[in-house]
Amino acid sequence: MEDTAEFMLIRAVLIRDWEPIVCNELLPDGEYDSYIPRILHLLCSDCSSEKLAAYLAHVERDYMEVGTDAERTDRVATNLLAAWKQRTN
Protein backbone atom coordinates (compact mmCIF):
# COMPACT_ATOMS: atom_id res chain seq x y z
CA MET A 1 0.00 0.00 0.00
CA GLU A 2 2.87 2.36 0.69
CA ASP A 3 3.61 2.87 -2.98
CA THR A 4 0.08 3.64 -4.13
CA ALA A 5 -0.63 7.02 -5.64
CA GLU A 6 -3.07 7.80 -2.82
CA PHE A 7 -0.52 6.95 -0.14
CA MET A 8 2.13 9.08 -1.84
CA LEU A 9 -0.30 11.99 -2.23
CA ILE A 10 -1.12 12.00 1.49
CA ARG A 11 2.56 11.60 2.40
CA ALA A 12 3.49 14.61 0.26
CA VAL A 13 0.90 16.86 1.92
CA LEU A 14 1.93 15.77 5.42
CA ILE A 15 5.64 16.26 4.74
CA ARG A 16 5.04 19.65 3.11
CA ASP A 17 2.44 21.11 5.47
CA TRP A 18 2.40 19.34 8.83
CA GLU A 19 5.19 19.89 11.32
CA PRO A 20 3.82 19.35 14.83
CA ILE A 21 7.34 18.81 16.16
CA VAL A 22 9.25 21.84 14.95
CA CYS A 23 12.73 20.57 14.15
CA ASN A 24 13.73 22.94 11.32
CA GLU A 25 15.21 20.02 9.42
CA LEU A 26 14.15 18.02 6.41
CA LEU A 27 11.98 15.13 7.49
CA PRO A 28 12.57 11.62 6.19
CA ASP A 29 9.94 10.55 3.66
CA GLY A 30 8.46 7.95 6.00
CA GLU A 31 8.14 10.17 9.07
CA TYR A 32 4.33 10.19 9.08
CA ASP A 33 3.63 6.91 7.27
CA SER A 34 2.06 5.18 10.27
CA TYR A 35 -0.75 7.77 10.28
CA ILE A 36 -1.53 7.56 6.57
CA PRO A 37 -3.76 4.45 6.59
CA ARG A 38 -6.25 6.12 8.95
CA ILE A 39 -6.13 9.38 6.96
CA LEU A 40 -6.72 7.40 3.77
CA HIS A 41 -9.69 5.66 5.39
CA LEU A 42 -11.14 9.02 6.43
CA LEU A 43 -10.68 10.48 2.96
CA CYS A 44 -12.26 7.43 1.31
CA SER A 45 -15.19 7.82 3.71
CA ASP A 46 -15.80 11.35 2.41
CA CYS A 47 -15.03 12.85 5.82
CA SER A 48 -15.24 16.51 6.71
CA SER A 49 -12.30 18.83 7.19
CA GLU A 50 -13.23 18.97 10.87
CA LYS A 51 -12.97 15.20 11.25
CA LEU A 52 -9.55 15.15 9.58
CA ALA A 53 -8.34 18.03 11.75
CA ALA A 54 -9.60 16.20 14.85
CA TYR A 55 -7.63 13.11 13.86
CA LEU A 56 -4.46 15.15 13.30
CA ALA A 57 -4.92 16.83 16.69
CA HIS A 58 -5.39 13.39 18.28
CA VAL A 59 -2.11 12.20 16.75
CA GLU A 60 -0.27 15.31 17.93
CA ARG A 61 -1.63 15.08 21.47
CA ASP A 62 -1.79 11.32 22.09
CA TYR A 63 1.00 9.86 19.95
CA MET A 64 3.53 12.65 19.51
CA GLU A 65 2.71 14.09 22.93
CA VAL A 66 3.02 17.69 21.76
CA GLY A 67 0.63 20.58 21.99
CA THR A 68 -1.93 20.85 19.25
CA ASP A 69 -2.39 23.88 17.06
CA ALA A 70 -5.93 24.17 15.69
CA GLU A 71 -4.85 26.56 12.94
CA ARG A 72 -2.21 24.09 11.73
CA THR A 73 -4.46 21.02 11.87
CA ASP A 74 -7.27 22.90 10.11
CA ARG A 75 -4.88 24.03 7.36
CA VAL A 76 -3.44 20.55 6.85
CA ALA A 77 -6.91 18.98 6.81
CA THR A 78 -8.05 21.50 4.20
CA ASN A 79 -4.94 20.81 2.10
CA LEU A 80 -5.46 17.04 2.37
CA LEU A 81 -9.06 17.34 1.21
CA ALA A 82 -8.11 19.65 -1.67
CA ALA A 83 -5.36 17.30 -2.85
CA TRP A 84 -7.71 14.34 -2.53
CA LYS A 85 -10.37 16.02 -4.66
CA GLN A 86 -7.83 17.18 -7.26
CA ARG A 87 -6.50 13.67 -7.80
CA THR A 88 -9.61 12.76 -9.78
CA ASN A 89 -9.52 15.87 -11.99
PDB file of N, CA and C in Angstrom:
ATOM      1  N   MET A   1       0.818  -1.197   0.000  1.00  0.00           N
ATOM      2  CA  MET A   1       0.000   0.000   0.000  1.00  0.00           C
ATOM      3  C   MET A   1       0.861   1.260   0.000  1.00  0.00           C
ATOM      4  N   GLU A   2       2.057   1.163   0.514  1.00  0.00           N
ATOM      5  CA  GLU A   2       2.874   2.362   0.690  1.00  0.00           C
ATOM      6  C   GLU A   2       3.332   2.991  -0.615  1.00  0.00           C
ATOM      7  N   ASP A   3       3.184   2.283  -1.712  1.00  0.00           N
ATOM      8  CA  ASP A   3       3.611   2.866  -2.980  1.00  0.00           C
ATOM      9  C   ASP A   3       2.435   3.258  -3.867  1.00  0.00           C
ATOM     10  N   THR A   4       1.228   3.231  -3.325  1.00  0.00           N
ATOM     11  CA  THR A   4       0.082   3.638  -4.127  1.00  0.00           C
ATOM     12  C   THR A   4       0.089   5.150  -4.319  1.00  0.00           C
ATOM     13  N   ALA A   5      -0.567   5.583  -5.367  1.00  0.00           N
ATOM     14  CA  ALA A   5      -0.633   7.020  -5.644  1.00  0.00           C
ATOM     15  C   ALA A   5      -1.311   7.766  -4.502  1.00  0.00           C
ATOM     16  N   GLU A   6      -2.349   7.157  -3.923  1.00  0.00           N
ATOM     17  CA  GLU A   6      -3.066   7.805  -2.825  1.00  0.00           C
ATOM     18  C   GLU A   6      -2.174   7.963  -1.596  1.00  0.00           C
ATOM     19  N   PHE A   7      -1.438   6.905  -1.283  1.00  0.00           N
ATOM     20  CA  PHE A   7      -0.523   6.946  -0.142  1.00  0.00           C
ATOM     21  C   PHE A   7       0.515   8.046  -0.340  1.00  0.00           C
ATOM     22  N   MET A   8       1.091   8.091  -1.541  1.00  0.00           N
ATOM     23  CA  MET A   8       2.129   9.077  -1.838  1.00  0.00           C
ATOM     24  C   MET A   8       1.571  10.499  -1.812  1.00  0.00           C
ATOM     25  N   LEU A   9       0.341  10.678  -2.252  1.00  0.00           N
ATOM     26  CA  LEU A   9      -0.305  11.985  -2.225  1.00  0.00           C
ATOM     27  C   LEU A   9      -0.442  12.481  -0.787  1.00  0.00           C
ATOM     28  N   ILE A  10      -0.949  11.623   0.085  1.00  0.00           N
ATOM     29  CA  ILE A  10      -1.123  11.998   1.489  1.00  0.00           C
ATOM     30  C   ILE A  10       0.230  12.271   2.129  1.00  0.00           C
ATOM     31  N   ARG A  11       1.209  11.413   1.854  1.00  0.00           N
ATOM     32  CA  ARG A  11       2.556  11.601   2.403  1.00  0.00           C
ATOM     33  C   ARG A  11       3.114  12.965   2.007  1.00  0.00           C
ATOM     34  N   ALA A  12       2.950  13.335   0.751  1.00  0.00           N
ATOM     35  CA  ALA A  12       3.488  14.606   0.263  1.00  0.00           C
ATOM     36  C   ALA A  12       2.868  15.793   0.997  1.00  0.00           C
ATOM     37  N   VAL A  13       1.560  15.753   1.206  1.00  0.00           N
ATOM     38  CA  VAL A  13       0.898  16.856   1.922  1.00  0.00           C
ATOM     39  C   VAL A  13       1.389  16.914   3.363  1.00  0.00           C
ATOM     40  N   LEU A  14       1.482  15.769   4.024  1.00  0.00           N
ATOM     41  CA  LEU A  14       1.929  15.767   5.421  1.00  0.00           C
ATOM     42  C   LEU A  14       3.359  16.288   5.548  1.00  0.00           C
ATOM     43  N   ILE A  15       4.244  15.816   4.681  1.00  0.00           N
ATOM     44  CA  ILE A  15       5.644  16.263   4.742  1.00  0.00           C
ATOM     45  C   ILE A  15       5.746  17.758   4.455  1.00  0.00           C
ATOM     46  N   ARG A  16       4.968  18.237   3.500  1.00  0.00           N
ATOM     47  CA  ARG A  16       5.037  19.648   3.109  1.00  0.00           C
ATOM     48  C   ARG A  16       4.389  20.576   4.137  1.00  0.00           C
ATOM     49  N   ASP A  17       3.264  20.162   4.711  1.00  0.00           N
ATOM     50  CA  ASP A  17       2.439  21.106   5.469  1.00  0.00           C
ATOM     51  C   ASP A  17       2.325  20.859   6.966  1.00  0.00           C
ATOM     52  N   TRP A  18       2.669  19.692   7.432  1.00  0.00           N
ATOM     53  CA  TRP A  18       2.401  19.342   8.832  1.00  0.00           C
ATOM     54  C   TRP A  18       3.716  19.169   9.569  1.00  0.00           C
ATOM     55  N   GLU A  19       3.968  20.016  10.521  1.00  0.00           N
ATOM     56  CA  GLU A  19       5.194  19.891  11.316  1.00  0.00           C
ATOM     57  C   GLU A  19       4.865  20.135  12.787  1.00  0.00           C
ATOM     58  N   PRO A  20       4.198  19.158  13.425  1.00  0.00           N
ATOM     59  CA  PRO A  20       3.824  19.346  14.825  1.00  0.00           C
ATOM     60  C   PRO A  20       5.027  19.410  15.763  1.00  0.00           C
ATOM     61  N   ILE A  21       6.101  18.742  15.376  1.00  0.00           N
ATOM     62  CA  ILE A  21       7.338  18.814  16.157  1.00  0.00           C
ATOM     63  C   ILE A  21       8.295  19.669  15.344  1.00  0.00           C
ATOM     64  N   VAL A  22       8.427  20.905  15.717  1.00  0.00           N
ATOM     65  CA  VAL A  22       9.254  21.835  14.947  1.00  0.00           C
ATOM     66  C   VAL A  22      10.719  21.459  15.139  1.00  0.00           C
ATOM     67  N   CYS A  23      11.321  20.978  14.055  1.00  0.00           N
ATOM     68  CA  CYS A  23      12.725  20.574  14.149  1.00  0.00           C
ATOM     69  C   CYS A  23      13.601  21.337  13.165  1.00  0.00           C
ATOM     70  N   ASN A  24      12.990  22.125  12.285  1.00  0.00           N
ATOM     71  CA  ASN A  24      13.727  22.942  11.320  1.00  0.00           C
ATOM     72  C   ASN A  24      14.718  22.131  10.492  1.00  0.00           C
ATOM     73  N   GLU A  25      14.382  20.875  10.259  1.00  0.00           N
ATOM     74  CA  GLU A  25      15.212  20.016   9.423  1.00  0.00           C
ATOM     75  C   GLU A  25      14.312  19.328   8.408  1.00  0.00           C
ATOM     76  N   LEU A  26      14.921  18.812   7.365  1.00  0.00           N
ATOM     77  CA  LEU A  26      14.152  18.022   6.410  1.00  0.00           C
ATOM     78  C   LEU A  26      13.739  16.721   7.076  1.00  0.00           C
ATOM     79  N   LEU A  27      12.490  16.356   6.892  1.00  0.00           N
ATOM     80  CA  LEU A  27      11.983  15.127   7.487  1.00  0.00           C
ATOM     81  C   LEU A  27      12.205  13.963   6.535  1.00  0.00           C
ATOM     82  N   PRO A  28      12.483  12.790   7.073  1.00  0.00           N
ATOM     83  CA  PRO A  28      12.570  11.623   6.192  1.00  0.00           C
ATOM     84  C   PRO A  28      11.206  11.344   5.570  1.00  0.00           C
ATOM     85  N   ASP A  29      11.193  10.794   4.371  1.00  0.00           N
ATOM     86  CA  ASP A  29       9.937  10.552   3.658  1.00  0.00           C
ATOM     87  C   ASP A  29       8.931   9.754   4.475  1.00  0.00           C
ATOM     88  N   GLY A  30       9.376   8.821   5.265  1.00  0.00           N
ATOM     89  CA  GLY A  30       8.464   7.951   5.997  1.00  0.00           C
ATOM     90  C   GLY A  30       8.063   8.433   7.372  1.00  0.00           C
ATOM     91  N   GLU A  31       8.368   9.653   7.710  1.00  0.00           N
ATOM     92  CA  GLU A  31       8.140  10.167   9.066  1.00  0.00           C
ATOM     93  C   GLU A  31       6.696  10.002   9.540  1.00  0.00           C
ATOM     94  N   TYR A  32       5.734  10.222   8.673  1.00  0.00           N
ATOM     95  CA  TYR A  32       4.328  10.185   9.082  1.00  0.00           C
ATOM     96  C   TYR A  32       3.571   8.985   8.509  1.00  0.00           C
ATOM     97  N   ASP A  33       4.281   8.022   7.966  1.00  0.00           N
ATOM     98  CA  ASP A  33       3.633   6.908   7.273  1.00  0.00           C
ATOM     99  C   ASP A  33       2.667   6.112   8.141  1.00  0.00           C
ATOM    100  N   SER A  34       2.942   5.991   9.415  1.00  0.00           N
ATOM    101  CA  SER A  34       2.062   5.175  10.266  1.00  0.00           C
ATOM    102  C   SER A  34       0.680   5.800  10.438  1.00  0.00           C
ATOM    103  N   TYR A  35       0.536   7.085  10.153  1.00  0.00           N
ATOM    104  CA  TYR A  35      -0.754   7.769  10.283  1.00  0.00           C
ATOM    105  C   TYR A  35      -1.546   7.780   8.972  1.00  0.00           C
ATOM    106  N   ILE A  36      -0.898   7.453   7.888  1.00  0.00           N
ATOM    107  CA  ILE A  36      -1.527   7.564   6.575  1.00  0.00           C
ATOM    108  C   ILE A  36      -2.690   6.591   6.371  1.00  0.00           C
ATOM    109  N   PRO A  37      -2.610   5.333   6.811  1.00  0.00           N
ATOM    110  CA  PRO A  37      -3.763   4.448   6.587  1.00  0.00           C
ATOM    111  C   PRO A  37      -5.070   4.995   7.166  1.00  0.00           C
ATOM    112  N   ARG A  38      -5.027   5.560   8.352  1.00  0.00           N
ATOM    113  CA  ARG A  38      -6.248   6.121   8.948  1.00  0.00           C
ATOM    114  C   ARG A  38      -6.708   7.357   8.169  1.00  0.00           C
ATOM    115  N   ILE A  39      -5.767   8.202   7.757  1.00  0.00           N
ATOM    116  CA  ILE A  39      -6.126   9.379   6.961  1.00  0.00           C
ATOM    117  C   ILE A  39      -6.750   8.937   5.638  1.00  0.00           C
ATOM    118  N   LEU A  40      -6.173   7.921   5.021  1.00  0.00           N
ATOM    119  CA  LEU A  40      -6.715   7.396   3.769  1.00  0.00           C
ATOM    120  C   LEU A  40      -8.135   6.868   3.980  1.00  0.00           C
ATOM    121  N   HIS A  41      -8.345   6.157   5.066  1.00  0.00           N
ATOM    122  CA  HIS A  41      -9.690   5.658   5.385  1.00  0.00           C
ATOM    123  C   HIS A  41     -10.678   6.817   5.536  1.00  0.00           C
ATOM    124  N   LEU A  42     -10.267   7.857   6.248  1.00  0.00           N
ATOM    125  CA  LEU A  42     -11.143   9.020   6.433  1.00  0.00           C
ATOM    126  C   LEU A  42     -11.470   9.677   5.093  1.00  0.00           C
ATOM    127  N   LEU A  43     -10.454   9.853   4.261  1.00  0.00           N
ATOM    128  CA  LEU A  43     -10.675  10.478   2.956  1.00  0.00           C
ATOM    129  C   LEU A  43     -11.594   9.628   2.073  1.00  0.00           C
ATOM    130  N   CYS A  44     -11.406   8.322   2.104  1.00  0.00           N
ATOM    131  CA  CYS A  44     -12.262   7.427   1.315  1.00  0.00           C
ATOM    132  C   CYS A  44     -13.693   7.411   1.837  1.00  0.00           C
ATOM    133  N   SER A  45     -13.858   7.782   3.093  1.00  0.00           N
ATOM    134  CA  SER A  45     -15.191   7.824   3.709  1.00  0.00           C
ATOM    135  C   SER A  45     -15.858   9.177   3.519  1.00  0.00           C
ATOM    136  N   ASP A  46     -15.247  10.026   2.694  1.00  0.00           N
ATOM    137  CA  ASP A  46     -15.801  11.354   2.412  1.00  0.00           C
ATOM    138  C   ASP A  46     -15.988  12.171   3.692  1.00  0.00           C
ATOM    139  N   CYS A  47     -14.957  12.158   4.527  1.00  0.00           N
ATOM    140  CA  CYS A  47     -15.031  12.850   5.817  1.00  0.00           C
ATOM    141  C   CYS A  47     -14.962  14.371   5.641  1.00  0.00           C
ATOM    142  N   SER A  48     -15.298  15.045   6.702  1.00  0.00           N
ATOM    143  CA  SER A  48     -15.235  16.508   6.710  1.00  0.00           C
ATOM    144  C   SER A  48     -13.822  16.966   7.067  1.00  0.00           C
ATOM    145  N   SER A  49     -13.561  18.206   6.787  1.00  0.00           N
ATOM    146  CA  SER A  49     -12.300  18.826   7.187  1.00  0.00           C
ATOM    147  C   SER A  49     -12.149  18.780   8.707  1.00  0.00           C
ATOM    148  N   GLU A  50     -13.252  18.980   9.404  1.00  0.00           N
ATOM    149  CA  GLU A  50     -13.227  18.974  10.869  1.00  0.00           C
ATOM    150  C   GLU A  50     -12.823  17.612  11.415  1.00  0.00           C
ATOM    151  N   LYS A  51     -13.312  16.546  10.791  1.00  0.00           N
ATOM    152  CA  LYS A  51     -12.969  15.202  11.250  1.00  0.00           C
ATOM    153  C   LYS A  51     -11.490  14.907  10.998  1.00  0.00           C
ATOM    154  N   LEU A  52     -10.978  15.317   9.859  1.00  0.00           N
ATOM    155  CA  LEU A  52      -9.548  15.147   9.577  1.00  0.00           C
ATOM    156  C   LEU A  52      -8.701  15.945  10.559  1.00  0.00           C
ATOM    157  N   ALA A  53      -9.082  17.185  10.804  1.00  0.00           N
ATOM    158  CA  ALA A  53      -8.338  18.028  11.749  1.00  0.00           C
ATOM    159  C   ALA A  53      -8.365  17.417  13.144  1.00  0.00           C
ATOM    160  N   ALA A  54      -9.497  16.844  13.535  1.00  0.00           N
ATOM    161  CA  ALA A  54      -9.600  16.204  14.854  1.00  0.00           C
ATOM    162  C   ALA A  54      -8.661  15.007  14.940  1.00  0.00           C
ATOM    163  N   TYR A  55      -8.551  14.234  13.866  1.00  0.00           N
ATOM    164  CA  TYR A  55      -7.625  13.105  13.865  1.00  0.00           C
ATOM    165  C   TYR A  55      -6.179  13.587  13.981  1.00  0.00           C
ATOM    166  N   LEU A  56      -5.820  14.611  13.224  1.00  0.00           N
ATOM    167  CA  LEU A  56      -4.459  15.150  13.299  1.00  0.00           C
ATOM    168  C   LEU A  56      -4.152  15.667  14.705  1.00  0.00           C
ATOM    169  N   ALA A  57      -5.103  16.336  15.323  1.00  0.00           N
ATOM    170  CA  ALA A  57      -4.918  16.829  16.693  1.00  0.00           C
ATOM    171  C   ALA A  57      -4.749  15.662  17.660  1.00  0.00           C
ATOM    172  N   HIS A  58      -5.514  14.602  17.458  1.00  0.00           N
ATOM    173  CA  HIS A  58      -5.393  13.392  18.285  1.00  0.00           C
ATOM    174  C   HIS A  58      -3.980  12.807  18.174  1.00  0.00           C
ATOM    175  N   VAL A  59      -3.464  12.726  16.964  1.00  0.00           N
ATOM    176  CA  VAL A  59      -2.111  12.198  16.753  1.00  0.00           C
ATOM    177  C   VAL A  59      -1.087  13.079  17.463  1.00  0.00           C
ATOM    178  N   GLU A  60      -1.212  14.386  17.288  1.00  0.00           N
ATOM    179  CA  GLU A  60      -0.268  15.310  17.934  1.00  0.00           C
ATOM    180  C   GLU A  60      -0.286  15.145  19.447  1.00  0.00           C
ATOM    181  N   ARG A  61      -1.462  15.111  20.014  1.00  0.00           N
ATOM    182  CA  ARG A  61      -1.627  15.079  21.467  1.00  0.00           C
ATOM    183  C   ARG A  61      -1.294  13.706  22.055  1.00  0.00           C
ATOM    184  N   ASP A  62      -1.846  12.639  21.459  1.00  0.00           N
ATOM    185  CA  ASP A  62      -1.788  11.325  22.088  1.00  0.00           C
ATOM    186  C   ASP A  62      -0.643  10.436  21.624  1.00  0.00           C
ATOM    187  N   TYR A  63      -0.105  10.674  20.439  1.00  0.00           N
ATOM    188  CA  TYR A  63       1.001   9.860  19.952  1.00  0.00           C
ATOM    189  C   TYR A  63       2.325  10.613  19.976  1.00  0.00           C
ATOM    190  N   MET A  64       2.303  11.846  19.516  1.00  0.00           N
ATOM    191  CA  MET A  64       3.526  12.647  19.508  1.00  0.00           C
ATOM    192  C   MET A  64       3.751  13.343  20.842  1.00  0.00           C
ATOM    193  N   GLU A  65       2.674  13.456  21.610  1.00  0.00           N
ATOM    194  CA  GLU A  65       2.711  14.095  22.926  1.00  0.00           C
ATOM    195  C   GLU A  65       3.249  15.522  22.859  1.00  0.00           C
ATOM    196  N   VAL A  66       2.701  16.264  21.891  1.00  0.00           N
ATOM    197  CA  VAL A  66       3.019  17.686  21.758  1.00  0.00           C
ATOM    198  C   VAL A  66       1.712  18.463  21.819  1.00  0.00           C
ATOM    199  N   GLY A  67       1.826  19.742  22.003  1.00  0.00           N
ATOM    200  CA  GLY A  67       0.632  20.583  21.993  1.00  0.00           C
ATOM    201  C   GLY A  67       0.035  20.642  20.603  1.00  0.00           C
ATOM    202  N   THR A  68      -1.274  20.742  20.553  1.00  0.00           N
ATOM    203  CA  THR A  68      -1.928  20.846  19.251  1.00  0.00           C
ATOM    204  C   THR A  68      -2.118  22.311  18.879  1.00  0.00           C
ATOM    205  N   ASP A  69      -2.190  22.545  17.602  1.00  0.00           N
ATOM    206  CA  ASP A  69      -2.392  23.885  17.064  1.00  0.00           C
ATOM    207  C   ASP A  69      -3.562  23.794  16.085  1.00  0.00           C
ATOM    208  N   ALA A  70      -4.718  24.298  16.499  1.00  0.00           N
ATOM    209  CA  ALA A  70      -5.930  24.173  15.686  1.00  0.00           C
ATOM    210  C   ALA A  70      -5.761  24.807  14.308  1.00  0.00           C
ATOM    211  N   GLU A  71      -5.058  25.909  14.234  1.00  0.00           N
ATOM    212  CA  GLU A  71      -4.847  26.558  12.938  1.00  0.00           C
ATOM    213  C   GLU A  71      -4.062  25.640  12.003  1.00  0.00           C
ATOM    214  N   ARG A  72      -3.029  25.000  12.541  1.00  0.00           N
ATOM    215  CA  ARG A  72      -2.206  24.090  11.728  1.00  0.00           C
ATOM    216  C   ARG A  72      -3.020  22.869  11.294  1.00  0.00           C
ATOM    217  N   THR A  73      -3.714  22.229  12.238  1.00  0.00           N
ATOM    218  CA  THR A  73      -4.456  21.020  11.873  1.00  0.00           C
ATOM    219  C   THR A  73      -5.590  21.338  10.898  1.00  0.00           C
ATOM    220  N   ASP A  74      -6.227  22.489  11.057  1.00  0.00           N
ATOM    221  CA  ASP A  74      -7.272  22.901  10.107  1.00  0.00           C
ATOM    222  C   ASP A  74      -6.688  23.108   8.712  1.00  0.00           C
ATOM    223  N   ARG A  75      -5.533  23.761   8.643  1.00  0.00           N
ATOM    224  CA  ARG A  75      -4.884  24.031   7.358  1.00  0.00           C
ATOM    225  C   ARG A  75      -4.479  22.720   6.674  1.00  0.00           C
ATOM    226  N   VAL A  76      -3.881  21.819   7.433  1.00  0.00           N
ATOM    227  CA  VAL A  76      -3.438  20.553   6.850  1.00  0.00           C
ATOM    228  C   VAL A  76      -4.642  19.728   6.392  1.00  0.00           C
ATOM    229  N   ALA A  77      -5.694  19.709   7.195  1.00  0.00           N
ATOM    230  CA  ALA A  77      -6.908  18.979   6.811  1.00  0.00           C
ATOM    231  C   ALA A  77      -7.494  19.548   5.519  1.00  0.00           C
ATOM    232  N   THR A  78      -7.546  20.852   5.415  1.00  0.00           N
ATOM    233  CA  THR A  78      -8.046  21.502   4.198  1.00  0.00           C
ATOM    234  C   THR A  78      -7.178  21.135   3.002  1.00  0.00           C
ATOM    235  N   ASN A  79      -5.862  21.147   3.187  1.00  0.00           N
ATOM    236  CA  ASN A  79      -4.943  20.807   2.102  1.00  0.00           C
ATOM    237  C   ASN A  79      -5.064  19.339   1.695  1.00  0.00           C
ATOM    238  N   LEU A  80      -5.258  18.455   2.681  1.00  0.00           N
ATOM    239  CA  LEU A  80      -5.455  17.039   2.367  1.00  0.00           C
ATOM    240  C   LEU A  80      -6.721  16.839   1.535  1.00  0.00           C
ATOM    241  N   LEU A  81      -7.804  17.468   1.951  1.00  0.00           N
ATOM    242  CA  LEU A  81      -9.060  17.337   1.207  1.00  0.00           C
ATOM    243  C   LEU A  81      -8.941  17.910  -0.204  1.00  0.00           C
ATOM    244  N   ALA A  82      -8.280  19.038  -0.341  1.00  0.00           N
ATOM    245  CA  ALA A  82      -8.111  19.648  -1.665  1.00  0.00           C
ATOM    246  C   ALA A  82      -7.286  18.743  -2.578  1.00  0.00           C
ATOM    247  N   ALA A  83      -6.199  18.201  -2.056  1.00  0.00           N
ATOM    248  CA  ALA A  83      -5.357  17.302  -2.850  1.00  0.00           C
ATOM    249  C   ALA A  83      -6.124  16.037  -3.221  1.00  0.00           C
ATOM    250  N   TRP A  84      -6.912  15.537  -2.286  1.00  0.00           N
ATOM    251  CA  TRP A  84      -7.708  14.337  -2.528  1.00  0.00           C
ATOM    252  C   TRP A  84      -8.722  14.574  -3.652  1.00  0.00           C
ATOM    253  N   LYS A  85      -9.379  15.706  -3.622  1.00  0.00           N
ATOM    254  CA  LYS A  85     -10.374  16.022  -4.657  1.00  0.00           C
ATOM    255  C   LYS A  85      -9.713  16.269  -6.011  1.00  0.00           C
ATOM    256  N   GLN A  86      -8.536  16.877  -6.005  1.00  0.00           N
ATOM    257  CA  GLN A  86      -7.833  17.179  -7.261  1.00  0.00           C
ATOM    258  C   GLN A  86      -7.327  15.927  -7.954  1.00  0.00           C
ATOM    259  N   ARG A  87      -7.088  14.880  -7.217  1.00  0.00           N
ATOM    260  CA  ARG A  87      -6.499  13.675  -7.802  1.00  0.00           C
ATOM    261  C   ARG A  87      -7.389  13.070  -8.873  1.00  0.00           C
ATOM    262  N   THR A  88      -8.690  13.328  -8.794  1.00  0.00           N
ATOM    263  CA  THR A  88      -9.610  12.762  -9.782  1.00  0.00           C
ATOM    264  C   THR A  88      -9.860  13.703 -10.953  1.00  0.00           C
ATOM    265  N   ASN A  89      -9.316  14.902 -10.896  1.00  0.00           N
ATOM    266  CA  ASN A  89      -9.524  15.869 -11.989  1.00  0.00           C
ATOM    267  C   ASN A  89      -8.447  15.754 -13.032  1.00  0.00           C
TER     268      ASN A  89
END
